[in-house]
Protein backbone atom coordinates (compact mmCIF):
# COMPACT_ATOMS: atom_id res chain seq x y z
CA MET A 1 -83.91 51.88 0.93
CA ARG A 2 -85.97 55.05 0.56
CA LEU A 3 -88.87 55.55 2.97
CA SER A 4 -92.12 56.46 1.25
CA GLY A 5 -95.11 58.13 2.87
CA SER A 6 -97.00 54.85 3.10
CA MET A 7 -94.06 53.13 4.74
CA VAL A 8 -93.73 55.88 7.36
CA SER A 9 -97.49 55.74 8.01
CA GLY A 10 -97.29 51.98 8.39
CA ILE A 11 -94.38 52.21 10.85
CA ILE A 12 -96.18 54.83 12.93
CA LEU A 13 -99.34 52.73 13.06
CA LEU A 14 -97.30 49.65 14.01
CA ILE A 15 -95.63 51.51 16.87
CA VAL A 16 -98.92 52.96 18.16
CA GLY A 17 -100.60 49.55 17.96
CA CYS A 18 -97.74 47.83 19.81
CA VAL A 19 -97.75 50.50 22.53
CA ILE A 20 -101.50 50.10 23.06
CA LEU A 21 -101.18 46.31 23.17
CA LEU A 22 -98.22 46.38 25.57
CA ALA A 23 -99.97 48.85 27.87
CA ASN A 24 -102.93 46.52 27.92
CA PHE A 25 -100.87 43.39 28.69
CA ILE A 26 -98.58 44.96 31.31
CA GLY A 27 -101.54 45.82 33.51
CA ILE A 28 -103.20 43.22 35.68
CA ARG A 29 -106.60 43.40 34.00
CA VAL A 30 -107.08 42.84 30.27
CA ASN A 31 -110.02 44.70 28.79
CA LEU A 32 -111.07 43.31 25.41
CA PHE A 33 -112.61 46.64 24.39
CA ARG A 34 -109.22 48.30 24.90
CA LEU A 35 -107.45 45.42 23.16
CA PHE A 36 -109.40 45.86 19.89
CA PRO A 37 -108.07 49.34 18.89
CA GLY A 38 -104.47 48.22 19.41
CA THR A 39 -104.99 45.10 17.35
CA ALA A 40 -106.78 47.04 14.62
CA LEU A 41 -103.95 49.59 14.40
CA LEU A 42 -101.37 46.81 14.34
CA VAL A 43 -103.10 45.01 11.47
CA LEU A 44 -103.68 48.26 9.57
CA GLY A 45 -100.00 49.17 9.98
CA ILE A 46 -98.87 45.81 8.62
CA VAL A 47 -101.26 46.05 5.67
CA ILE A 48 -100.06 49.57 4.80
CA LEU A 49 -96.39 48.70 5.31
CA PHE A 50 -96.46 45.71 3.01
CA GLY A 51 -98.68 47.29 0.37
CA GLN A 52 -101.66 44.95 0.49
CA PHE A 53 -104.16 47.78 0.73
CA GLY A 54 -106.07 48.80 -2.39
CA GLY A 55 -105.97 47.42 -5.89
CA HIS A 56 -105.41 48.50 -9.49
CA HIS A 57 -108.40 50.82 -9.38
CA GLU A 58 -107.73 52.40 -5.99
CA VAL A 59 -105.06 54.62 -4.54
CA ILE A 60 -105.08 54.30 -0.75
CA PHE A 61 -102.39 55.77 1.53
CA ASP A 62 -100.11 56.27 -1.46
CA ARG A 63 -99.28 58.51 -4.40
CA LYS A 64 -99.57 56.99 -7.85
CA LYS A 65 -101.15 57.05 -11.27
CA ILE A 66 -104.46 55.24 -11.65
CA ASP A 67 -104.37 52.22 -13.91
CA LEU A 68 -106.52 52.67 -17.03
CA SER A 69 -106.06 49.16 -18.44
CA GLU A 70 -109.73 48.59 -17.59
CA PRO A 71 -110.83 52.21 -17.77
CA PHE A 72 -114.58 51.90 -17.49
CA ARG A 73 -114.90 51.05 -13.83
CA GLU A 74 -115.08 52.85 -10.53
CA LYS A 75 -111.80 54.50 -9.46
CA ASN A 76 -111.12 55.55 -5.85
CA ILE A 77 -108.53 57.82 -4.28
CA ILE A 78 -108.70 57.59 -0.49
CA PHE A 79 -106.27 59.27 1.94
CA ALA A 80 -103.86 59.62 -0.97
CA GLU A 81 -102.83 61.52 -4.08
CA GLY A 82 -103.71 60.12 -7.48
CA ILE A 83 -103.48 61.09 -11.13
CA MET A 84 -105.79 59.86 -13.88
CA ASP A 85 -104.44 60.72 -17.34
CA LEU A 86 -107.05 60.21 -20.07
CA ASN A 87 -104.36 60.66 -22.75
CA GLU A 88 -103.47 56.99 -22.13
CA LEU A 89 -107.01 55.95 -23.00
CA LYS A 90 -107.62 54.28 -26.36
CA PRO A 91 -110.21 55.93 -28.64
CA ILE A 92 -113.72 55.00 -27.57
CA THR A 93 -116.29 53.51 -29.93
CA HIS A 94 -119.44 54.03 -27.86
CA HIS A 95 -120.69 55.84 -24.76
CA GLN A 96 -118.49 54.91 -21.76
CA LYS A 97 -118.74 55.84 -18.07
CA ILE A 98 -116.10 56.25 -15.35
CA LYS A 99 -116.85 57.00 -11.71
CA LEU A 100 -114.06 58.77 -9.79
CA ASN A 101 -114.35 59.09 -5.99
CA ILE A 102 -111.91 61.26 -4.04
CA ILE A 103 -112.25 60.93 -0.27
CA PHE A 104 -109.90 62.78 2.10
CA ALA A 105 -107.48 62.97 -0.81
CA SER A 106 -106.11 64.98 -3.71
CA GLY A 107 -106.60 64.05 -7.34
CA LYS A 108 -105.71 65.30 -10.78
CA LEU A 109 -107.70 64.45 -13.90
CA ILE A 110 -105.95 65.19 -17.21
CA LEU A 111 -108.39 65.36 -20.12
CA ASN A 112 -107.76 64.00 -23.62
CA PRO A 113 -108.53 66.55 -26.37
CA ASN A 114 -109.49 63.77 -28.81
CA ILE A 115 -112.24 62.30 -26.64
CA PRO A 116 -115.46 64.28 -26.16
CA THR A 117 -116.14 64.24 -22.44
CA ILE A 118 -118.84 65.33 -20.04
CA ILE A 119 -117.96 65.60 -16.36
CA HIS A 120 -120.65 65.53 -13.67
CA ALA A 121 -118.71 66.86 -10.68
CA SER A 122 -119.96 67.19 -7.12
CA SER A 123 -118.24 68.36 -3.98
CA ALA A 124 -119.06 67.83 -0.30
CA PHE A 125 -116.72 69.81 1.93
CA GLY A 126 -114.13 69.72 -0.84
CA ASN A 127 -112.70 71.71 -3.73
CA LEU A 128 -113.21 71.12 -7.46
CA GLU A 129 -111.09 73.04 -9.94
CA LEU A 130 -112.39 72.79 -13.50
CA PRO A 131 -110.78 74.69 -16.41
CA ASP A 132 -113.47 77.40 -16.42
CA ARG A 133 -114.96 77.29 -12.90
CA THR A 134 -114.36 76.23 -9.31
CA VAL A 135 -116.74 74.61 -6.83
CA ASN A 136 -115.86 75.00 -3.15
CA PHE A 137 -117.42 73.44 -0.06
CA LEU A 138 -120.81 72.13 -1.32
CA GLY A 139 -122.05 72.04 -4.88
CA SER A 140 -122.12 70.36 -8.23
CA THR A 141 -121.59 71.30 -11.83
CA ASP A 142 -121.30 69.83 -15.32
CA TYR A 143 -118.40 70.41 -17.69
CA ARG A 144 -118.16 69.46 -21.38
CA THR A 145 -115.14 69.21 -23.64
CA GLY A 146 -114.61 68.71 -27.34
CA ASP A 147 -117.31 68.53 -29.97
CA PHE A 148 -119.82 66.95 -27.67
CA GLU A 149 -122.85 65.32 -29.30
CA SER A 150 -124.98 62.78 -27.45
CA ALA A 151 -125.38 60.66 -30.61
CA GLU A 152 -121.59 60.26 -31.01
CA PRO A 153 -119.32 58.21 -28.70
CA TYR A 154 -118.29 60.16 -25.61
CA LEU A 155 -116.86 59.65 -22.16
CA ASP A 156 -119.12 60.29 -19.17
CA ILE A 157 -117.22 60.94 -15.92
CA GLU A 158 -118.90 61.17 -12.54
CA ALA A 159 -116.44 62.84 -10.14
CA ASN A 160 -117.27 62.96 -6.43
CA VAL A 161 -115.06 64.84 -3.96
CA VAL A 162 -115.57 64.45 -0.21
CA PHE A 163 -113.18 66.35 2.10
CA GLY A 164 -110.65 66.50 -0.74
CA HIS A 165 -109.43 68.31 -3.83
CA LEU A 166 -109.77 67.53 -7.55
CA ASN A 167 -107.99 69.47 -10.27
CA VAL A 168 -109.30 68.88 -13.78
CA SER A 169 -106.82 70.18 -16.32
CA GLY A 170 -107.42 70.72 -19.99
CA PHE A 171 -105.22 69.76 -22.83
């Protein structure tokens, strides 16, 4: 069995939670305020270890590709590394919107050359790498691809990066 990053994180959190709980129970007095962090770490470790954290539209404590079976929803990458490949997206027939949030994480957005796209990107203590410009620390910018016309169907992406990194690559 190969240990993944999420499994190692889960094991570490389990050990830390057990140590805090044991230290609390070995002593004569039991302080409920000290008991809570140990219990919280224990539960978080179990959740991470057994993969019950996050869903199809989130990448949390893991590294994976974001599911685009229902593409027009909010996607989150939190404490993880995620890839969103728009080449897997079916042609759009009307204006569609995707919101991508990257928090304490790293993400890669691969654009589809056949879909006109506008990206509204903002960064707070993070790094945004677009094909023709970079936004570091604080800032926002817009980026357009393809033959963009507001009357034609296009994809509208709102990308928010907080303490993370997003690389938007062209075709």
